[in-house]
Amino acid sequence: MSKTIIHNISPVNHASATGIQKEALDLALKQVGFIPNMYANMANAPGMLSTYLQGYDVFRKESGFTSSEQEVVFLSISQFNGCDYCTAAHSMIADKMSGVPADVLQAIRARQPIADAKLAALAAMAVEMVAKHGQPSPVIVKTFLDAGYQERDLLYIMLAASVKVLSNYSNQAFGTEVDKQFAAYKVD
């Protein structure tokens, strides 16, 4: 049974977009180098796309997490939320761009324990924040802090979770097709 709930709204074509839709897609093109299917769908609500792009960019630039840690956060949340599109996209980024160790990538995708204790604490915190609606277990928080993270990092996990809600939920609503750039990492 399909989870798709949006059936009568088509992706916004960048070439024919105007106004705030075009502005949001222009920013997306500048940031990514192409218009992912997810962005074309989100552009139907330009505020959603621009909020996503800004939050994503701020998380990348300000969080203080390494590129690998950022991907662990995004991928863990996307996998927990059941977003096949974002799981594929972040798997490709993790593997080809962010330097996430192969065993960590595979563990997250398979929902298995992560051997690296620090990355395991990070992934657990990211999932816990989403699963418990911003009210994580004190044990998970302590493990996270004991792994070397700071309380400030919790705020950036909240930002990442918020950004992923926008992308994960919209992809599920549209049944977004995985772009060819991410196809090799499609969830089976």
N, C-alpha and C. Protein backbone atom coordinates (compact mmCIF):
# COMPACT_ATOMS: atom_id res chain seq x y z
N MET A 1 0.84 -1.19 0.00
CA MET A 1 0.00 0.00 0.00
C MET A 1 0.88 1.25 0.00
N SER A 2 0.62 2.14 -0.89
CA SER A 2 1.41 3.36 -1.03
C SER A 2 1.10 4.35 0.09
N LYS A 3 2.16 5.01 0.56
CA LYS A 3 2.01 6.05 1.57
C LYS A 3 1.74 7.40 0.92
N THR A 4 1.82 7.46 -0.40
CA THR A 4 1.66 8.70 -1.14
C THR A 4 0.28 9.30 -0.86
N ILE A 5 0.28 10.58 -0.48
CA ILE A 5 -1.00 11.25 -0.23
C ILE A 5 -1.25 12.41 -1.19
N ILE A 6 -0.22 12.83 -1.92
CA ILE A 6 -0.38 13.91 -2.89
C ILE A 6 -0.34 13.29 -4.28
N HIS A 7 -1.46 13.44 -5.01
CA HIS A 7 -1.60 12.79 -6.31
C HIS A 7 -1.82 13.77 -7.45
N ASN A 8 -2.25 14.99 -7.14
CA ASN A 8 -2.66 15.92 -8.19
C ASN A 8 -1.78 17.16 -8.31
N ILE A 9 -0.62 17.13 -7.69
CA ILE A 9 0.32 18.25 -7.80
C ILE A 9 1.57 17.72 -8.49
N SER A 10 1.95 18.38 -9.57
CA SER A 10 3.12 17.96 -10.35
C SER A 10 4.37 18.68 -9.85
N PRO A 11 5.54 18.08 -10.07
CA PRO A 11 6.79 18.78 -9.74
C PRO A 11 6.88 20.09 -10.51
N VAL A 12 7.49 21.09 -9.91
CA VAL A 12 7.67 22.39 -10.56
C VAL A 12 8.87 22.28 -11.49
N ASN A 13 8.66 22.64 -12.74
CA ASN A 13 9.73 22.62 -13.74
C ASN A 13 10.54 23.92 -13.60
N HIS A 14 11.82 23.77 -13.35
CA HIS A 14 12.69 24.94 -13.15
C HIS A 14 12.66 25.88 -14.35
N ALA A 15 12.65 25.33 -15.55
CA ALA A 15 12.69 26.16 -16.76
C ALA A 15 11.46 27.05 -16.89
N SER A 16 10.33 26.60 -16.40
CA SER A 16 9.11 27.41 -16.54
C SER A 16 8.65 28.05 -15.22
N ALA A 17 9.42 27.85 -14.16
CA ALA A 17 9.06 28.42 -12.86
C ALA A 17 9.20 29.94 -12.89
N THR A 18 8.38 30.61 -12.10
CA THR A 18 8.45 32.06 -11.99
C THR A 18 8.35 32.46 -10.52
N GLY A 19 8.66 33.71 -10.25
CA GLY A 19 8.48 34.26 -8.92
C GLY A 19 9.25 33.52 -7.85
N ILE A 20 8.60 33.32 -6.71
CA ILE A 20 9.30 32.71 -5.57
C ILE A 20 9.64 31.24 -5.81
N GLN A 21 8.86 30.56 -6.67
CA GLN A 21 9.23 29.19 -7.01
C GLN A 21 10.57 29.18 -7.74
N LYS A 22 10.73 30.08 -8.70
CA LYS A 22 11.99 30.15 -9.46
C LYS A 22 13.15 30.54 -8.54
N GLU A 23 12.93 31.50 -7.64
CA GLU A 23 13.97 31.91 -6.70
C GLU A 23 14.44 30.73 -5.85
N ALA A 24 13.49 29.96 -5.33
CA ALA A 24 13.85 28.80 -4.50
C ALA A 24 14.59 27.75 -5.31
N LEU A 25 14.14 27.49 -6.53
CA LEU A 25 14.81 26.50 -7.37
C LEU A 25 16.18 26.99 -7.84
N ASP A 26 16.31 28.29 -8.09
CA ASP A 26 17.62 28.85 -8.44
C ASP A 26 18.61 28.64 -7.30
N LEU A 27 18.17 28.87 -6.07
CA LEU A 27 19.03 28.65 -4.91
C LEU A 27 19.41 27.17 -4.81
N ALA A 28 18.44 26.30 -5.02
CA ALA A 28 18.70 24.86 -4.99
C ALA A 28 19.75 24.47 -6.03
N LEU A 29 19.58 24.99 -7.23
CA LEU A 29 20.53 24.69 -8.31
C LEU A 29 21.93 25.18 -7.95
N LYS A 30 22.01 26.37 -7.36
CA LYS A 30 23.30 26.92 -6.95
C LYS A 30 23.95 26.04 -5.88
N GLN A 31 23.16 25.56 -4.92
CA GLN A 31 23.70 24.77 -3.81
C GLN A 31 24.08 23.35 -4.23
N VAL A 32 23.30 22.74 -5.10
CA VAL A 32 23.47 21.32 -5.40
C VAL A 32 24.05 21.05 -6.79
N GLY A 33 23.79 21.94 -7.74
CA GLY A 33 24.29 21.73 -9.09
C GLY A 33 23.27 21.09 -10.02
N PHE A 34 22.15 20.64 -9.49
CA PHE A 34 21.03 20.14 -10.28
C PHE A 34 19.77 20.30 -9.43
N ILE A 35 18.62 20.08 -10.03
CA ILE A 35 17.37 20.18 -9.28
C ILE A 35 16.91 18.77 -8.94
N PRO A 36 17.14 18.32 -7.71
CA PRO A 36 16.66 17.00 -7.30
C PRO A 36 15.13 16.93 -7.38
N ASN A 37 14.61 15.76 -7.63
CA ASN A 37 13.16 15.56 -7.69
C ASN A 37 12.48 16.07 -6.42
N MET A 38 13.12 15.87 -5.28
CA MET A 38 12.57 16.33 -4.01
C MET A 38 12.34 17.84 -4.05
N TYR A 39 13.30 18.59 -4.57
CA TYR A 39 13.19 20.05 -4.60
C TYR A 39 12.08 20.49 -5.55
N ALA A 40 11.96 19.82 -6.69
CA ALA A 40 10.90 20.15 -7.65
C ALA A 40 9.52 19.96 -7.02
N ASN A 41 9.38 18.95 -6.19
CA ASN A 41 8.11 18.74 -5.48
C ASN A 41 7.91 19.79 -4.40
N MET A 42 8.94 20.03 -3.59
CA MET A 42 8.83 20.98 -2.49
C MET A 42 8.56 22.41 -2.99
N ALA A 43 8.98 22.72 -4.21
CA ALA A 43 8.80 24.07 -4.76
C ALA A 43 7.33 24.43 -4.93
N ASN A 44 6.45 23.45 -4.87
CA ASN A 44 5.01 23.75 -4.89
C ASN A 44 4.61 24.59 -3.69
N ALA A 45 5.37 24.50 -2.61
CA ALA A 45 5.22 25.36 -1.43
C ALA A 45 6.58 26.02 -1.25
N PRO A 46 6.84 27.11 -1.97
CA PRO A 46 8.18 27.70 -1.99
C PRO A 46 8.76 27.97 -0.61
N GLY A 47 7.92 28.34 0.35
CA GLY A 47 8.41 28.56 1.70
C GLY A 47 8.98 27.30 2.31
N MET A 48 8.41 26.15 1.97
CA MET A 48 8.93 24.87 2.45
C MET A 48 10.33 24.63 1.89
N LEU A 49 10.48 24.82 0.58
CA LEU A 49 11.78 24.58 -0.05
C LEU A 49 12.82 25.58 0.47
N SER A 50 12.47 26.85 0.55
CA SER A 50 13.47 27.82 0.99
C SER A 50 13.84 27.60 2.46
N THR A 51 12.86 27.22 3.29
CA THR A 51 13.16 26.91 4.69
C THR A 51 14.08 25.70 4.78
N TYR A 52 13.79 24.68 3.98
CA TYR A 52 14.64 23.48 3.94
C TYR A 52 16.06 23.86 3.54
N LEU A 53 16.20 24.58 2.44
CA LEU A 53 17.52 24.93 1.93
C LEU A 53 18.32 25.76 2.93
N GLN A 54 17.65 26.71 3.57
CA GLN A 54 18.34 27.55 4.55
C GLN A 54 18.75 26.72 5.76
N GLY A 55 17.85 25.92 6.30
CA GLY A 55 18.17 25.10 7.48
C GLY A 55 19.26 24.10 7.19
N TYR A 56 19.20 23.47 6.04
CA TYR A 56 20.21 22.49 5.63
C TYR A 56 21.58 23.16 5.54
N ASP A 57 21.62 24.33 4.89
CA ASP A 57 22.87 25.07 4.72
C ASP A 57 23.44 25.51 6.08
N VAL A 58 22.58 26.01 6.96
CA VAL A 58 23.03 26.46 8.28
C VAL A 58 23.57 25.27 9.08
N PHE A 59 22.88 24.14 9.03
CA PHE A 59 23.37 22.95 9.74
C PHE A 59 24.76 22.57 9.23
N ARG A 60 24.92 22.56 7.91
CA ARG A 60 26.22 22.19 7.33
C ARG A 60 27.32 23.17 7.76
N LYS A 61 27.02 24.45 7.77
CA LYS A 61 28.04 25.47 8.02
C LYS A 61 28.30 25.74 9.50
N GLU A 62 27.27 25.63 10.36
CA GLU A 62 27.40 26.09 11.74
C GLU A 62 27.42 25.00 12.81
N SER A 63 27.04 23.80 12.47
CA SER A 63 26.84 22.79 13.53
C SER A 63 28.11 22.44 14.28
N GLY A 64 29.25 22.53 13.61
CA GLY A 64 30.49 22.11 14.25
C GLY A 64 30.74 20.62 14.12
N PHE A 65 29.75 19.87 13.65
CA PHE A 65 29.94 18.45 13.39
C PHE A 65 30.82 18.29 12.14
N THR A 66 31.63 17.24 12.12
CA THR A 66 32.39 16.94 10.91
C THR A 66 31.41 16.57 9.80
N SER A 67 31.90 16.55 8.58
CA SER A 67 31.08 16.15 7.44
C SER A 67 30.51 14.74 7.66
N SER A 68 31.34 13.86 8.16
CA SER A 68 30.91 12.49 8.44
C SER A 68 29.82 12.46 9.51
N GLU A 69 30.02 13.23 10.57
CA GLU A 69 29.01 13.28 11.64
C GLU A 69 27.69 13.87 11.14
N GLN A 70 27.77 14.89 10.30
CA GLN A 70 26.55 15.48 9.74
C GLN A 70 25.75 14.44 8.97
N GLU A 71 26.46 13.65 8.19
CA GLU A 71 25.78 12.62 7.40
C GLU A 71 25.18 11.54 8.29
N VAL A 72 25.86 11.19 9.37
CA VAL A 72 25.32 10.21 10.31
C VAL A 72 24.00 10.73 10.88
N VAL A 73 23.95 12.01 11.22
CA VAL A 73 22.72 12.60 11.75
C VAL A 73 21.61 12.55 10.71
N PHE A 74 21.87 13.09 9.51
CA PHE A 74 20.84 13.13 8.47
C PHE A 74 20.39 11.73 8.06
N LEU A 75 21.32 10.83 7.89
CA LEU A 75 20.98 9.48 7.46
C LEU A 75 20.22 8.72 8.53
N SER A 76 20.63 8.84 9.78
CA SER A 76 19.95 8.14 10.88
C SER A 76 18.50 8.61 11.01
N ILE A 77 18.29 9.91 10.91
CA ILE A 77 16.93 10.46 11.00
C ILE A 77 16.10 10.01 9.81
N SER A 78 16.67 10.09 8.61
CA SER A 78 15.93 9.70 7.41
C SER A 78 15.56 8.23 7.44
N GLN A 79 16.49 7.40 7.88
CA GLN A 79 16.22 5.97 7.99
C GLN A 79 15.12 5.71 9.03
N PHE A 80 15.22 6.37 10.18
CA PHE A 80 14.20 6.20 11.22
C PHE A 80 12.82 6.63 10.72
N ASN A 81 12.78 7.75 9.98
CA ASN A 81 11.51 8.24 9.46
C ASN A 81 10.98 7.44 8.28
N GLY A 82 11.77 6.50 7.79
CA GLY A 82 11.32 5.65 6.69
C GLY A 82 11.30 6.35 5.34
N CYS A 83 12.17 7.35 5.15
CA CYS A 83 12.22 8.07 3.88
C CYS A 83 13.25 7.41 2.97
N ASP A 84 12.75 6.64 2.02
CA ASP A 84 13.64 5.94 1.09
C ASP A 84 14.44 6.91 0.23
N TYR A 85 13.82 8.02 -0.17
CA TYR A 85 14.52 9.00 -1.00
C TYR A 85 15.73 9.57 -0.25
N CYS A 86 15.51 10.10 0.95
CA CYS A 86 16.61 10.72 1.70
C CYS A 86 17.63 9.68 2.17
N THR A 87 17.18 8.48 2.44
CA THR A 87 18.12 7.42 2.81
C THR A 87 19.06 7.16 1.64
N ALA A 88 18.54 7.10 0.43
CA ALA A 88 19.39 6.89 -0.75
C ALA A 88 20.32 8.09 -0.96
N ALA A 89 19.77 9.30 -0.89
CA ALA A 89 20.58 10.50 -1.14
C ALA A 89 21.70 10.63 -0.11
N HIS A 90 21.36 10.49 1.17
CA HIS A 90 22.38 10.65 2.21
C HIS A 90 23.36 9.47 2.24
N SER A 91 22.94 8.32 1.77
CA SER A 91 23.87 7.20 1.65
C SER A 91 24.93 7.50 0.60
N MET A 92 24.50 8.06 -0.53
CA MET A 92 25.45 8.42 -1.58
C MET A 92 26.42 9.50 -1.07
N ILE A 93 25.86 10.52 -0.42
CA ILE A 93 26.71 11.60 0.11
C ILE A 93 27.68 11.04 1.16
N ALA A 94 27.17 10.17 2.02
CA ALA A 94 28.00 9.56 3.06
C ALA A 94 29.16 8.78 2.45
N ASP A 95 28.87 8.04 1.41
CA ASP A 95 29.87 7.18 0.78
C ASP A 95 30.85 7.96 -0.10
N LYS A 96 30.34 8.86 -0.91
CA LYS A 96 31.16 9.50 -1.93
C LYS A 96 31.74 10.86 -1.53
N MET A 97 31.13 11.52 -0.54
CA MET A 97 31.53 12.90 -0.25
C MET A 97 31.92 13.15 1.20
N SER A 98 31.29 12.47 2.14
CA SER A 98 31.45 12.82 3.55
C SER A 98 32.38 11.91 4.33
N GLY A 99 32.86 10.86 3.72
CA GLY A 99 33.82 9.99 4.40
C GLY A 99 33.27 9.16 5.54
N VAL A 100 31.99 8.85 5.51
CA VAL A 100 31.43 7.96 6.53
C VAL A 100 32.01 6.57 6.30
N PRO A 101 32.57 5.95 7.33
CA PRO A 101 33.12 4.60 7.15
C PRO A 101 32.04 3.64 6.62
N ALA A 102 32.44 2.76 5.73
CA ALA A 102 31.50 1.84 5.09
C ALA A 102 30.70 1.02 6.10
N ASP A 103 31.36 0.57 7.18
CA ASP A 103 30.64 -0.24 8.17
C ASP A 103 29.58 0.58 8.91
N VAL A 104 29.86 1.87 9.11
CA VAL A 104 28.89 2.75 9.78
C VAL A 104 27.70 2.99 8.85
N LEU A 105 27.99 3.28 7.59
CA LEU A 105 26.93 3.49 6.60
C LEU A 105 26.04 2.26 6.52
N GLN A 106 26.64 1.10 6.42
CA GLN A 106 25.86 -0.14 6.31
C GLN A 106 25.04 -0.39 7.57
N ALA A 107 25.62 -0.13 8.73
CA ALA A 107 24.89 -0.34 10.00
C ALA A 107 23.66 0.56 10.08
N ILE A 108 23.80 1.82 9.70
CA ILE A 108 22.66 2.74 9.75
C ILE A 108 21.58 2.28 8.77
N ARG A 109 21.99 1.95 7.55
CA ARG A 109 21.02 1.52 6.54
C ARG A 109 20.29 0.26 6.97
N ALA A 110 20.98 -0.64 7.68
CA ALA A 110 20.38 -1.91 8.11
C ALA A 110 19.76 -1.82 9.50
N ARG A 111 19.84 -0.63 10.11
CA ARG A 111 19.33 -0.44 11.48
C ARG A 111 19.98 -1.43 12.46
N GLN A 112 21.30 -1.52 12.32
CA GLN A 112 22.10 -2.40 13.16
C GLN A 112 23.00 -1.55 14.05
N PRO A 113 23.58 -2.13 15.10
CA PRO A 113 24.48 -1.37 15.98
C PRO A 113 25.70 -0.85 15.20
N ILE A 114 26.14 0.34 15.60
CA ILE A 114 27.32 0.97 15.01
C ILE A 114 28.50 0.68 15.92
N ALA A 115 29.59 0.15 15.37
CA ALA A 115 30.75 -0.24 16.17
C ALA A 115 31.48 0.97 16.77
N ASP A 116 31.58 2.05 16.05
CA ASP A 116 32.26 3.26 16.53
C ASP A 116 31.40 3.88 17.63
N ALA A 117 31.91 3.91 18.86
CA ALA A 117 31.11 4.35 20.01
C ALA A 117 30.64 5.80 19.89
N LYS A 118 31.50 6.69 19.39
CA LYS A 118 31.12 8.10 19.29
C LYS A 118 30.03 8.29 18.24
N LEU A 119 30.20 7.67 17.07
CA LEU A 119 29.18 7.78 16.04
C LEU A 119 27.89 7.05 16.44
N ALA A 120 28.02 5.99 17.21
CA ALA A 120 26.84 5.28 17.71
C ALA A 120 26.05 6.19 18.65
N ALA A 121 26.74 6.92 19.51
CA ALA A 121 26.07 7.84 20.44
C ALA A 121 25.39 8.97 19.67
N LEU A 122 26.04 9.45 18.62
CA LEU A 122 25.48 10.51 17.79
C LEU A 122 24.22 10.03 17.07
N ALA A 123 24.31 8.87 16.44
CA ALA A 123 23.15 8.32 15.72
C ALA A 123 22.00 8.06 16.68
N ALA A 124 22.30 7.50 17.84
CA ALA A 124 21.26 7.22 18.83
C ALA A 124 20.59 8.50 19.30
N MET A 125 21.38 9.55 19.49
CA MET A 125 20.83 10.84 19.93
C MET A 125 19.93 11.42 18.86
N ALA A 126 20.35 11.36 17.61
CA ALA A 126 19.54 11.90 16.51
C ALA A 126 18.20 11.17 16.42
N VAL A 127 18.24 9.86 16.47
CA VAL A 127 17.01 9.07 16.40
C VAL A 127 16.14 9.31 17.63
N GLU A 128 16.75 9.34 18.79
CA GLU A 128 16.01 9.56 20.03
C GLU A 128 15.30 10.91 20.03
N MET A 129 15.95 11.93 19.49
CA MET A 129 15.35 13.26 19.45
C MET A 129 14.06 13.24 18.62
N VAL A 130 14.09 12.50 17.52
CA VAL A 130 12.91 12.40 16.66
C VAL A 130 11.87 11.46 17.28
N ALA A 131 12.32 10.32 17.73
CA ALA A 131 11.40 9.31 18.27
C ALA A 131 10.66 9.80 19.50
N LYS A 132 11.33 10.62 20.30
CA LYS A 132 10.73 11.10 21.55
C LYS A 132 10.26 12.55 21.44
N HIS A 133 10.14 13.05 20.21
CA HIS A 133 9.57 14.38 19.96
C HIS A 133 10.27 15.47 20.77
N GLY A 134 11.61 15.42 20.75
CA GLY A 134 12.40 16.44 21.42
C GLY A 134 12.55 16.25 22.92
N GLN A 135 12.15 15.09 23.42
CA GLN A 135 12.26 14.80 24.85
C GLN A 135 13.04 13.50 25.06
N PRO A 136 14.33 13.53 24.73
CA PRO A 136 15.14 12.30 24.78
C PRO A 136 15.34 11.79 26.20
N SER A 137 15.60 10.52 26.27
CA SER A 137 15.91 9.87 27.54
C SER A 137 17.19 10.46 28.13
N PRO A 138 17.21 10.71 29.44
CA PRO A 138 18.44 11.20 30.08
C PRO A 138 19.63 10.26 29.88
N VAL A 139 19.38 8.98 29.75
CA VAL A 139 20.46 8.00 29.54
C VAL A 139 21.10 8.22 28.17
N ILE A 140 20.27 8.43 27.15
CA ILE A 140 20.79 8.67 25.79
C ILE A 140 21.57 9.99 25.77
N VAL A 141 21.05 11.01 26.44
CA VAL A 141 21.73 12.31 26.50
C VAL A 141 23.08 12.16 27.20
N LYS A 142 23.12 11.45 28.31
CA LYS A 142 24.37 11.25 29.05
C LYS A 142 25.39 10.50 28.19
N THR A 143 24.97 9.46 27.51
CA THR A 143 25.86 8.71 26.63
C THR A 143 26.42 9.63 25.54
N PHE A 144 25.57 10.47 24.99
CA PHE A 144 25.96 11.43 23.95
C PHE A 144 27.01 12.41 24.48
N LEU A 145 26.74 12.98 25.65
CA LEU A 145 27.69 13.93 26.25
C LEU A 145 28.98 13.24 26.67
N ASP A 146 28.87 12.03 27.20
CA ASP A 146 30.05 11.26 27.60
C ASP A 146 30.92 10.89 26.40
N ALA A 147 30.32 10.85 25.21
CA ALA A 147 31.07 10.52 23.98
C ALA A 147 31.89 11.72 23.49
N GLY A 148 31.71 12.88 24.15
CA GLY A 148 32.50 14.04 23.78
C GLY A 148 31.72 15.17 23.13
N TYR A 149 30.42 15.00 22.99
CA TYR A 149 29.60 16.06 22.41
C TYR A 149 29.20 17.05 23.50
N GLN A 150 28.70 18.20 23.08
CA GLN A 150 28.31 19.28 23.99
C GLN A 150 26.80 19.48 23.95
N GLU A 151 26.27 20.18 24.96
CA GLU A 151 24.84 20.46 24.96
C GLU A 151 24.43 21.28 23.74
N ARG A 152 25.29 22.18 23.28
CA ARG A 152 25.00 22.97 22.08
C ARG A 152 24.71 22.06 20.89
N ASP A 153 25.39 20.93 20.83
CA ASP A 153 25.19 19.99 19.73
C ASP A 153 23.76 19.47 19.68
N LEU A 154 23.10 19.42 20.83
CA LEU A 154 21.70 18.99 20.87
C LEU A 154 20.83 19.93 20.06
N LEU A 155 21.13 21.22 20.11
CA LEU A 155 20.35 22.21 19.34
C LEU A 155 20.50 21.98 17.85
N TYR A 156 21.71 21.63 17.42
CA TYR A 156 21.92 21.40 15.99
C TYR A 156 21.30 20.08 15.53
N ILE A 157 21.20 19.13 16.44
CA ILE A 157 20.46 17.91 16.10
C ILE A 157 18.98 18.25 15.94
N MET A 158 18.46 19.15 16.77
CA MET A 158 17.08 19.60 16.61
C MET A 158 16.88 20.28 15.26
N LEU A 159 17.86 21.10 14.85
CA LEU A 159 17.78 21.75 13.54
C LEU A 159 17.77 20.70 12.43
N ALA A 160 18.67 19.73 12.50
CA ALA A 160 18.72 18.67 11.49
C ALA A 160 17.42 17.90 11.45
N ALA A 161 16.86 17.60 12.61
CA ALA A 161 15.60 16.86 12.67
C ALA A 161 14.48 17.67 12.02
N SER A 162 14.47 18.97 12.24
CA SER A 162 13.45 19.84 11.66
C SER A 162 13.55 19.87 10.14
N VAL A 163 14.77 19.98 9.64
CA VAL A 163 15.01 19.98 8.21
C VAL A 163 14.58 18.63 7.61
N LYS A 164 14.91 17.55 8.29
CA LYS A 164 14.56 16.23 7.77
C LYS A 164 13.06 15.98 7.82
N VAL A 165 12.35 16.57 8.77
CA VAL A 165 10.89 16.45 8.76
C VAL A 165 10.34 17.03 7.46
N LEU A 166 10.84 18.20 7.06
CA LEU A 166 10.38 18.80 5.81
C LEU A 166 10.64 17.88 4.62
N SER A 167 11.86 17.38 4.50
CA SER A 167 12.19 16.56 3.33
C SER A 167 11.59 15.16 3.43
N ASN A 168 11.72 14.51 4.58
CA ASN A 168 11.20 13.15 4.71
C ASN A 168 9.69 13.10 4.49
N TYR A 169 8.97 14.01 5.13
CA TYR A 169 7.52 13.99 5.02
C TYR A 169 7.06 14.36 3.62
N SER A 170 7.70 15.34 2.99
CA SER A 170 7.27 15.70 1.64
C SER A 170 7.58 14.58 0.65
N ASN A 171 8.71 13.92 0.81
CA ASN A 171 9.03 12.80 -0.08
C ASN A 171 8.02 11.66 0.08
N GLN A 172 7.63 11.41 1.29
CA GLN A 172 6.63 10.36 1.51
C GLN A 172 5.28 10.77 0.94
N ALA A 173 4.91 12.04 1.11
CA ALA A 173 3.63 12.53 0.61
C ALA A 173 3.55 12.44 -0.91
N PHE A 174 4.66 12.76 -1.58
CA PHE A 174 4.70 12.73 -3.05
C PHE A 174 5.10 11.35 -3.61
N GLY A 175 5.70 10.49 -2.78
CA GLY A 175 6.28 9.26 -3.32
C GLY A 175 7.41 9.60 -4.28
N THR A 176 8.25 10.54 -3.88
CA THR A 176 9.30 11.08 -4.75
C THR A 176 10.20 9.99 -5.31
N GLU A 177 10.37 10.02 -6.60
CA GLU A 177 11.26 9.07 -7.28
C GLU A 177 12.71 9.44 -7.00
N VAL A 178 13.51 8.44 -6.67
CA VAL A 178 14.94 8.65 -6.39
C VAL A 178 15.63 9.09 -7.68
N ASP A 179 16.39 10.19 -7.59
CA ASP A 179 17.13 10.70 -8.74
C ASP A 179 18.20 9.71 -9.17
N LYS A 180 18.58 9.76 -10.46
CA LYS A 180 19.61 8.85 -10.97
C LYS A 180 20.92 9.01 -10.23
N GLN A 181 21.20 10.22 -9.71
CA GLN A 181 22.45 10.46 -8.96
C GLN A 181 22.52 9.61 -7.69
N PHE A 182 21.38 9.21 -7.15
CA PHE A 182 21.33 8.45 -5.90
C PHE A 182 20.87 7.01 -6.10
N ALA A 183 20.57 6.62 -7.34
CA ALA A 183 19.92 5.33 -7.63
C ALA A 183 20.70 4.13 -7.13
N ALA A 184 22.02 4.18 -7.15
CA ALA A 184 22.82 3.04 -6.70
C ALA A 184 22.65 2.78 -5.21
N TYR A 185 22.09 3.75 -4.47
CA TYR A 185 21.93 3.63 -3.02
C TYR A 185 20.47 3.48 -2.62
N LYS A 186 19.64 3.19 -3.62
CA LYS A 186 18.21 3.04 -3.37
C LYS A 186 17.99 1.94 -2.33
N VAL A 187 17.01 2.17 -1.48
CA VAL A 187 16.66 1.21 -0.43
C VAL A 187 15.92 0.04 -1.07
N ASP A 188 16.35 -1.16 -0.71
CA ASP A 188 15.70 -2.36 -1.29
C ASP A 188 14.36 -2.64 -0.65
